[in-house]
Amino acid sequence: MPLSVKAIEAMKPNCHVRTDTGENTGLRVSCGATGIKIFIYRYSSPVTHKLVPIKIGNFSQISLSEARVKLQELKQLRQLGRYPATEMKEEKQHKKQVQLEPLETKLTVKALIELYLIERIEDRKGKDGKIIAGARKKKGQFVFHLAPL
């Protein structure tokens, strides 16, 4: 039986996964413990021969028809021999790298000293949650000798 908006809205938390049929085979809707309904496209990987899930979106953010359109786009990618899950992971990694690059280039001497004082000199919490005493009192004497940059 094909998916419908009413069937999705009626899903309760931890309800079993509902699947679409016909040309929309591969579209699944799951409802987690919090009650959020998620559209998922699941396909068989030709490399590993395992089922690979791709999150399309949440039911509150996109409609069933939008999820079906996105499903058809992902299916076309698969027919072209591309792997949507791998491409999405690579795209996320690329976005993270792009976000980190500007941070590395904007460090000034003052920001570098501030980072050093916070990370190494001042009191901080260790991995176990205990407070590790710093080597000096807050900010030490470095800050007073810095000229405005």
N, C-alpha and C. Protein backbone atom coordinates (compact mmCIF):
# COMPACT_ATOMS: atom_id res chain seq x y z
N MET A 1 0.84 -1.18 0.00
CA MET A 1 0.00 0.00 0.00
C MET A 1 0.89 1.25 0.00
N PRO A 2 0.65 2.20 -0.90
CA PRO A 2 1.49 3.39 -0.95
C PRO A 2 1.35 4.26 0.29
N LEU A 3 2.39 5.05 0.55
CA LEU A 3 2.36 5.96 1.69
C LEU A 3 1.35 7.08 1.45
N SER A 4 0.77 7.56 2.53
CA SER A 4 -0.12 8.72 2.45
C SER A 4 0.20 9.64 3.62
N VAL A 5 -0.19 10.90 3.49
CA VAL A 5 0.07 11.88 4.54
C VAL A 5 -0.63 11.47 5.82
N LYS A 6 -1.86 10.98 5.70
CA LYS A 6 -2.61 10.56 6.90
C LYS A 6 -1.94 9.39 7.60
N ALA A 7 -1.41 8.45 6.82
CA ALA A 7 -0.73 7.29 7.42
C ALA A 7 0.53 7.74 8.16
N ILE A 8 1.24 8.71 7.60
CA ILE A 8 2.45 9.21 8.25
C ILE A 8 2.10 9.97 9.52
N GLU A 9 1.07 10.82 9.45
CA GLU A 9 0.66 11.59 10.63
C GLU A 9 0.18 10.67 11.75
N ALA A 10 -0.40 9.52 11.40
CA ALA A 10 -0.93 8.60 12.40
C ALA A 10 0.15 7.74 13.06
N MET A 11 1.37 7.78 12.55
CA MET A 11 2.45 6.98 13.13
C MET A 11 2.74 7.43 14.55
N LYS A 12 2.94 6.48 15.42
CA LYS A 12 3.25 6.76 16.82
C LYS A 12 4.74 6.52 17.07
N PRO A 13 5.28 7.09 18.16
CA PRO A 13 6.70 6.86 18.47
C PRO A 13 7.04 5.37 18.53
N ASN A 14 8.21 5.04 18.01
CA ASN A 14 8.72 3.66 17.94
C ASN A 14 7.83 2.74 17.11
N CYS A 15 7.05 3.33 16.21
CA CYS A 15 6.20 2.55 15.31
C CYS A 15 7.09 1.90 14.25
N HIS A 16 6.65 0.78 13.69
CA HIS A 16 7.46 0.11 12.68
C HIS A 16 7.57 1.00 11.43
N VAL A 17 8.57 0.75 10.63
CA VAL A 17 8.86 1.55 9.44
C VAL A 17 7.80 1.30 8.38
N ARG A 18 7.36 2.37 7.73
CA ARG A 18 6.41 2.25 6.62
C ARG A 18 7.17 2.49 5.32
N THR A 19 6.81 1.73 4.29
CA THR A 19 7.50 1.84 3.00
C THR A 19 6.52 2.23 1.91
N ASP A 20 7.05 2.87 0.88
CA ASP A 20 6.23 3.25 -0.27
C ASP A 20 6.34 2.15 -1.33
N THR A 21 5.41 2.13 -2.27
CA THR A 21 5.39 1.08 -3.29
C THR A 21 5.42 1.71 -4.68
N GLY A 22 5.47 0.85 -5.68
CA GLY A 22 5.43 1.30 -7.06
C GLY A 22 6.72 2.00 -7.46
N GLU A 23 6.59 3.13 -8.15
CA GLU A 23 7.77 3.85 -8.62
C GLU A 23 8.54 4.50 -7.49
N ASN A 24 7.95 4.55 -6.30
CA ASN A 24 8.61 5.14 -5.13
C ASN A 24 9.19 4.09 -4.19
N THR A 25 9.45 2.89 -4.72
CA THR A 25 10.05 1.85 -3.91
C THR A 25 11.41 2.31 -3.42
N GLY A 26 11.67 2.11 -2.15
CA GLY A 26 12.92 2.55 -1.55
C GLY A 26 12.70 3.70 -0.59
N LEU A 27 11.55 4.37 -0.69
CA LEU A 27 11.23 5.46 0.24
C LEU A 27 10.63 4.85 1.49
N ARG A 28 11.21 5.19 2.63
CA ARG A 28 10.76 4.66 3.91
C ARG A 28 10.51 5.82 4.86
N VAL A 29 9.60 5.62 5.80
CA VAL A 29 9.34 6.60 6.85
C VAL A 29 9.46 5.88 8.17
N SER A 30 10.33 6.41 9.04
CA SER A 30 10.45 5.83 10.38
C SER A 30 10.11 6.90 11.40
N CYS A 31 9.58 6.45 12.52
CA CYS A 31 9.21 7.35 13.60
C CYS A 31 9.99 6.92 14.84
N GLY A 32 10.88 7.79 15.31
CA GLY A 32 11.72 7.47 16.45
C GLY A 32 11.00 7.61 17.77
N ALA A 33 11.73 7.46 18.85
CA ALA A 33 11.16 7.53 20.19
C ALA A 33 10.62 8.92 20.51
N THR A 34 11.18 9.95 19.87
CA THR A 34 10.73 11.32 20.13
C THR A 34 9.50 11.68 19.31
N GLY A 35 9.12 10.84 18.36
CA GLY A 35 7.95 11.10 17.54
C GLY A 35 8.27 11.81 16.23
N ILE A 36 9.54 12.06 15.96
CA ILE A 36 9.94 12.73 14.72
C ILE A 36 9.93 11.70 13.59
N LYS A 37 9.23 12.04 12.51
CA LYS A 37 9.12 11.14 11.36
C LYS A 37 10.18 11.53 10.33
N ILE A 38 10.96 10.55 9.89
CA ILE A 38 12.10 10.80 9.00
C ILE A 38 11.91 10.02 7.70
N PHE A 39 12.10 10.73 6.56
CA PHE A 39 12.09 10.09 5.25
C PHE A 39 13.49 9.54 4.99
N ILE A 40 13.55 8.28 4.55
CA ILE A 40 14.82 7.62 4.28
C ILE A 40 14.74 6.93 2.92
N TYR A 41 15.81 7.06 2.13
CA TYR A 41 15.95 6.29 0.89
C TYR A 41 16.96 5.19 1.17
N ARG A 42 16.57 3.96 0.90
CA ARG A 42 17.45 2.83 1.18
C ARG A 42 17.69 2.06 -0.12
N TYR A 43 18.96 1.88 -0.46
CA TYR A 43 19.31 1.17 -1.68
C TYR A 43 20.43 0.17 -1.39
N SER A 44 20.62 -0.77 -2.30
CA SER A 44 21.66 -1.78 -2.15
C SER A 44 22.93 -1.28 -2.81
N SER A 45 24.02 -1.26 -2.06
CA SER A 45 25.30 -0.79 -2.59
C SER A 45 25.91 -1.87 -3.48
N PRO A 46 26.31 -1.52 -4.71
CA PRO A 46 26.92 -2.52 -5.58
C PRO A 46 28.33 -2.90 -5.14
N VAL A 47 28.96 -2.06 -4.32
CA VAL A 47 30.32 -2.33 -3.86
C VAL A 47 30.31 -3.31 -2.69
N THR A 48 29.52 -2.99 -1.65
CA THR A 48 29.51 -3.81 -0.44
C THR A 48 28.35 -4.80 -0.39
N HIS A 49 27.39 -4.65 -1.30
CA HIS A 49 26.19 -5.49 -1.34
C HIS A 49 25.38 -5.40 -0.05
N LYS A 50 25.45 -4.25 0.61
CA LYS A 50 24.67 -4.01 1.82
C LYS A 50 23.68 -2.90 1.56
N LEU A 51 22.62 -2.86 2.37
CA LEU A 51 21.64 -1.79 2.25
C LEU A 51 22.20 -0.51 2.86
N VAL A 52 22.13 0.58 2.10
CA VAL A 52 22.67 1.86 2.53
C VAL A 52 21.51 2.85 2.69
N PRO A 53 21.30 3.38 3.91
CA PRO A 53 20.23 4.36 4.09
C PRO A 53 20.74 5.79 3.90
N ILE A 54 19.89 6.64 3.31
CA ILE A 54 20.19 8.07 3.16
C ILE A 54 19.00 8.84 3.72
N LYS A 55 19.26 9.74 4.63
CA LYS A 55 18.19 10.57 5.19
C LYS A 55 17.82 11.64 4.17
N ILE A 56 16.54 11.69 3.82
CA ILE A 56 16.05 12.71 2.89
C ILE A 56 15.62 13.95 3.65
N GLY A 57 14.98 13.76 4.80
CA GLY A 57 14.54 14.90 5.60
C GLY A 57 13.49 14.50 6.60
N ASN A 58 13.06 15.46 7.40
CA ASN A 58 12.02 15.23 8.40
C ASN A 58 10.65 15.57 7.80
N PHE A 59 9.64 14.86 8.25
CA PHE A 59 8.28 15.07 7.75
C PHE A 59 7.79 16.47 8.05
N SER A 60 8.22 17.06 9.13
CA SER A 60 7.77 18.41 9.47
C SER A 60 8.41 19.46 8.56
N GLN A 61 9.56 19.15 7.97
CA GLN A 61 10.27 20.12 7.13
C GLN A 61 9.95 19.97 5.65
N ILE A 62 9.76 18.75 5.18
CA ILE A 62 9.42 18.54 3.78
C ILE A 62 8.17 17.67 3.69
N SER A 63 7.41 17.87 2.62
CA SER A 63 6.17 17.12 2.45
C SER A 63 6.46 15.76 1.80
N LEU A 64 5.45 14.94 1.74
CA LEU A 64 5.58 13.62 1.13
C LEU A 64 5.91 13.76 -0.36
N SER A 65 5.27 14.70 -1.04
CA SER A 65 5.54 14.89 -2.48
C SER A 65 6.97 15.37 -2.71
N GLU A 66 7.49 16.27 -1.85
CA GLU A 66 8.87 16.72 -1.97
C GLU A 66 9.85 15.57 -1.73
N ALA A 67 9.52 14.70 -0.77
CA ALA A 67 10.37 13.54 -0.49
C ALA A 67 10.39 12.59 -1.69
N ARG A 68 9.24 12.45 -2.36
CA ARG A 68 9.19 11.58 -3.53
C ARG A 68 10.01 12.16 -4.69
N VAL A 69 9.98 13.49 -4.85
CA VAL A 69 10.79 14.13 -5.89
C VAL A 69 12.27 13.92 -5.60
N LYS A 70 12.67 14.12 -4.34
CA LYS A 70 14.07 13.91 -3.94
C LYS A 70 14.47 12.45 -4.14
N LEU A 71 13.55 11.53 -3.86
CA LEU A 71 13.80 10.10 -4.06
C LEU A 71 14.10 9.82 -5.53
N GLN A 72 13.32 10.40 -6.44
CA GLN A 72 13.54 10.18 -7.87
C GLN A 72 14.89 10.74 -8.30
N GLU A 73 15.30 11.89 -7.73
CA GLU A 73 16.62 12.45 -8.05
C GLU A 73 17.73 11.50 -7.60
N LEU A 74 17.58 10.96 -6.39
CA LEU A 74 18.59 10.03 -5.87
C LEU A 74 18.62 8.74 -6.69
N LYS A 75 17.46 8.28 -7.14
CA LYS A 75 17.41 7.08 -7.97
C LYS A 75 18.09 7.32 -9.32
N GLN A 76 17.94 8.52 -9.88
CA GLN A 76 18.61 8.84 -11.14
C GLN A 76 20.12 8.83 -10.96
N LEU A 77 20.60 9.34 -9.82
CA LEU A 77 22.04 9.28 -9.54
C LEU A 77 22.52 7.83 -9.50
N ARG A 78 21.73 6.97 -8.87
CA ARG A 78 22.11 5.55 -8.78
C ARG A 78 22.15 4.91 -10.16
N GLN A 79 21.19 5.27 -11.03
CA GLN A 79 21.17 4.70 -12.38
C GLN A 79 22.37 5.15 -13.20
N LEU A 80 22.92 6.32 -12.87
CA LEU A 80 24.11 6.82 -13.56
C LEU A 80 25.39 6.18 -13.01
N GLY A 81 25.25 5.33 -12.00
CA GLY A 81 26.41 4.65 -11.43
C GLY A 81 27.08 5.41 -10.31
N ARG A 82 26.43 6.45 -9.80
CA ARG A 82 27.00 7.23 -8.71
C ARG A 82 26.42 6.73 -7.39
N TYR A 83 27.12 7.06 -6.30
CA TYR A 83 26.71 6.60 -4.98
C TYR A 83 26.30 7.80 -4.13
N PRO A 84 25.00 8.05 -3.97
CA PRO A 84 24.52 9.23 -3.26
C PRO A 84 25.02 9.33 -1.82
N ALA A 85 25.07 8.23 -1.10
CA ALA A 85 25.50 8.27 0.30
C ALA A 85 26.96 8.70 0.40
N THR A 86 27.81 8.16 -0.45
CA THR A 86 29.23 8.52 -0.44
C THR A 86 29.41 9.98 -0.83
N GLU A 87 28.65 10.43 -1.83
CA GLU A 87 28.76 11.82 -2.27
C GLU A 87 28.32 12.78 -1.17
N MET A 88 27.26 12.42 -0.43
CA MET A 88 26.79 13.27 0.67
C MET A 88 27.83 13.36 1.78
N LYS A 89 28.47 12.23 2.10
CA LYS A 89 29.52 12.23 3.13
C LYS A 89 30.69 13.10 2.71
N GLU A 90 31.11 12.97 1.45
CA GLU A 90 32.22 13.79 0.95
C GLU A 90 31.86 15.27 0.95
N GLU A 91 30.61 15.58 0.62
CA GLU A 91 30.16 16.98 0.62
C GLU A 91 30.18 17.56 2.02
N LYS A 92 29.75 16.77 3.01
CA LYS A 92 29.78 17.23 4.41
C LYS A 92 31.21 17.48 4.87
N GLN A 93 32.12 16.57 4.52
CA GLN A 93 33.53 16.74 4.89
C GLN A 93 34.11 17.99 4.24
N HIS A 94 33.75 18.23 2.98
CA HIS A 94 34.24 19.42 2.28
C HIS A 94 33.73 20.69 2.96
N LYS A 95 32.46 20.70 3.36
CA LYS A 95 31.89 21.87 4.05
C LYS A 95 32.60 22.12 5.37
N LYS A 96 32.91 21.06 6.11
CA LYS A 96 33.63 21.22 7.37
C LYS A 96 35.02 21.81 7.14
N GLN A 97 35.70 21.33 6.11
CA GLN A 97 37.03 21.85 5.80
C GLN A 97 36.97 23.32 5.41
N VAL A 98 35.96 23.70 4.64
CA VAL A 98 35.80 25.09 4.22
C VAL A 98 35.53 25.98 5.43
N GLN A 99 34.75 25.48 6.39
CA GLN A 99 34.45 26.25 7.59
C GLN A 99 35.68 26.40 8.47
N LEU A 100 36.54 25.39 8.52
CA LEU A 100 37.72 25.45 9.37
C LEU A 100 38.83 26.32 8.79
N GLU A 101 38.92 26.42 7.48
CA GLU A 101 39.99 27.20 6.85
C GLU A 101 40.00 28.66 7.27
N PRO A 102 38.86 29.37 7.27
CA PRO A 102 38.91 30.78 7.68
C PRO A 102 39.34 30.96 9.13
N LEU A 103 39.01 30.03 10.00
CA LEU A 103 39.39 30.14 11.40
C LEU A 103 40.91 30.09 11.56
N GLU A 104 41.55 29.26 10.78
CA GLU A 104 43.00 29.11 10.88
C GLU A 104 43.72 30.36 10.41
N THR A 105 43.20 31.06 9.43
CA THR A 105 43.88 32.22 8.88
C THR A 105 43.61 33.50 9.67
N LYS A 106 42.62 33.53 10.53
CA LYS A 106 42.26 34.74 11.26
C LYS A 106 42.93 34.84 12.63
N LEU A 107 43.83 33.95 12.98
CA LEU A 107 44.47 34.01 14.29
C LEU A 107 45.48 35.16 14.33
N THR A 108 45.28 36.04 15.31
CA THR A 108 46.24 37.12 15.54
C THR A 108 47.09 36.73 16.74
N VAL A 109 48.10 37.54 17.03
CA VAL A 109 48.97 37.27 18.18
C VAL A 109 48.14 37.31 19.46
N LYS A 110 47.27 38.30 19.56
CA LYS A 110 46.45 38.43 20.76
C LYS A 110 45.52 37.23 20.91
N ALA A 111 44.89 36.80 19.81
CA ALA A 111 43.99 35.65 19.85
C ALA A 111 44.76 34.37 20.19
N LEU A 112 45.97 34.25 19.68
CA LEU A 112 46.80 33.08 19.95
C LEU A 112 47.18 33.02 21.43
N ILE A 113 47.55 34.16 22.01
CA ILE A 113 47.89 34.20 23.43
C ILE A 113 46.66 33.90 24.28
N GLU A 114 45.52 34.45 23.89
CA GLU A 114 44.27 34.20 24.61
C GLU A 114 43.95 32.71 24.58
N LEU A 115 44.09 32.09 23.43
CA LEU A 115 43.84 30.65 23.29
C LEU A 115 44.80 29.86 24.18
N TYR A 116 46.07 30.23 24.19
CA TYR A 116 47.06 29.55 25.02
C TYR A 116 46.72 29.68 26.51
N LEU A 117 46.34 30.88 26.92
CA LEU A 117 46.01 31.09 28.33
C LEU A 117 44.80 30.25 28.75
N ILE A 118 43.80 30.21 27.90
CA ILE A 118 42.59 29.46 28.23
C ILE A 118 42.86 27.96 28.22
N GLU A 119 43.60 27.48 27.22
CA GLU A 119 43.83 26.04 27.06
C GLU A 119 44.86 25.48 28.05
N ARG A 120 45.89 26.25 28.40
CA ARG A 120 47.00 25.70 29.18
C ARG A 120 47.22 26.34 30.54
N ILE A 121 47.03 27.62 30.68
CA ILE A 121 47.43 28.31 31.90
C ILE A 121 46.30 28.38 32.93
N GLU A 122 45.10 28.74 32.51
CA GLU A 122 43.99 28.89 33.45
C GLU A 122 43.46 27.53 33.88
N ASP A 123 42.68 27.54 34.97
CA ASP A 123 42.04 26.31 35.43
C ASP A 123 41.14 25.77 34.32
N ARG A 124 41.09 24.44 34.20
CA ARG A 124 40.26 23.82 33.18
C ARG A 124 39.78 22.46 33.67
N LYS A 125 38.79 21.91 32.99
CA LYS A 125 38.28 20.59 33.36
C LYS A 125 39.00 19.53 32.56
N GLY A 126 39.33 18.43 33.23
CA GLY A 126 39.97 17.31 32.56
C GLY A 126 38.94 16.40 31.92
N LYS A 127 39.40 15.30 31.35
CA LYS A 127 38.51 14.35 30.69
C LYS A 127 37.54 13.70 31.67
N ASP A 128 37.97 13.55 32.91
CA ASP A 128 37.12 12.92 33.92
C ASP A 128 36.19 13.91 34.61
N GLY A 129 36.24 15.19 34.23
CA GLY A 129 35.37 16.20 34.81
C GLY A 129 35.96 16.94 35.99
N LYS A 130 37.12 16.52 36.47
CA LYS A 130 37.76 17.19 37.60
C LYS A 130 38.47 18.45 37.11
N ILE A 131 38.54 19.45 37.98
CA ILE A 131 39.19 20.70 37.63
C ILE A 131 40.70 20.56 37.80
N ILE A 132 41.43 20.91 36.75
CA ILE A 132 42.89 20.89 36.78
C ILE A 132 43.35 22.31 37.04
N ALA A 133 44.12 22.49 38.10
CA ALA A 133 44.58 23.83 38.46
C ALA A 133 45.56 24.34 37.42
N GLY A 134 45.42 25.61 37.07
CA GLY A 134 46.30 26.24 36.10
C GLY A 134 47.62 26.64 36.72
N ALA A 135 48.57 27.05 35.90
CA ALA A 135 49.89 27.43 36.37
C ALA A 135 49.92 28.83 36.96
N ARG A 136 49.01 29.71 36.54
CA ARG A 136 48.98 31.09 37.03
C ARG A 136 47.56 31.52 37.32
N LYS A 137 47.47 32.68 37.86
CA LYS A 137 46.16 33.29 38.05
C LYS A 137 45.67 33.74 36.68
N LYS A 138 44.41 34.07 36.60
CA LYS A 138 43.78 34.38 35.32
C LYS A 138 44.53 35.44 34.53
N LYS A 139 44.74 35.17 33.29
CA LYS A 139 45.34 36.02 32.28
C LYS A 139 46.80 36.36 32.52
N GLY A 140 47.32 36.13 33.69
CA GLY A 140 48.75 36.34 33.94
C GLY A 140 49.21 37.74 33.60
N GLN A 141 50.43 37.85 33.15
CA GLN A 141 50.99 39.16 32.86
C GLN A 141 51.09 39.43 31.36
N PHE A 142 50.75 38.46 30.52
CA PHE A 142 50.86 38.65 29.08
C PHE A 142 49.95 39.76 28.56
N VAL A 143 48.72 39.81 29.04
CA VAL A 143 47.72 40.72 28.48
C VAL A 143 48.11 42.18 28.69
N PHE A 144 48.71 42.51 29.81
CA PHE A 144 49.02 43.90 30.11
C PHE A 144 50.12 44.46 29.21
N HIS A 145 50.96 43.61 28.65
CA HIS A 145 52.08 44.07 27.84
C HIS A 145 51.76 44.09 26.35
N LEU A 146 50.56 43.68 25.98
CA LEU A 146 50.20 43.68 24.57
C LEU A 146 49.76 45.06 24.13
N ALA A 147 50.28 45.50 23.02
CA ALA A 147 49.81 46.76 22.44
C ALA A 147 48.55 46.47 21.64
N PRO A 148 47.64 47.42 21.52
CA PRO A 148 46.44 47.17 20.72
C PRO A 148 46.81 46.85 19.27
N LEU A 149 46.22 45.78 18.76
CA LEU A 149 46.54 45.37 17.39
C LEU A 149 45.45 45.76 16.44
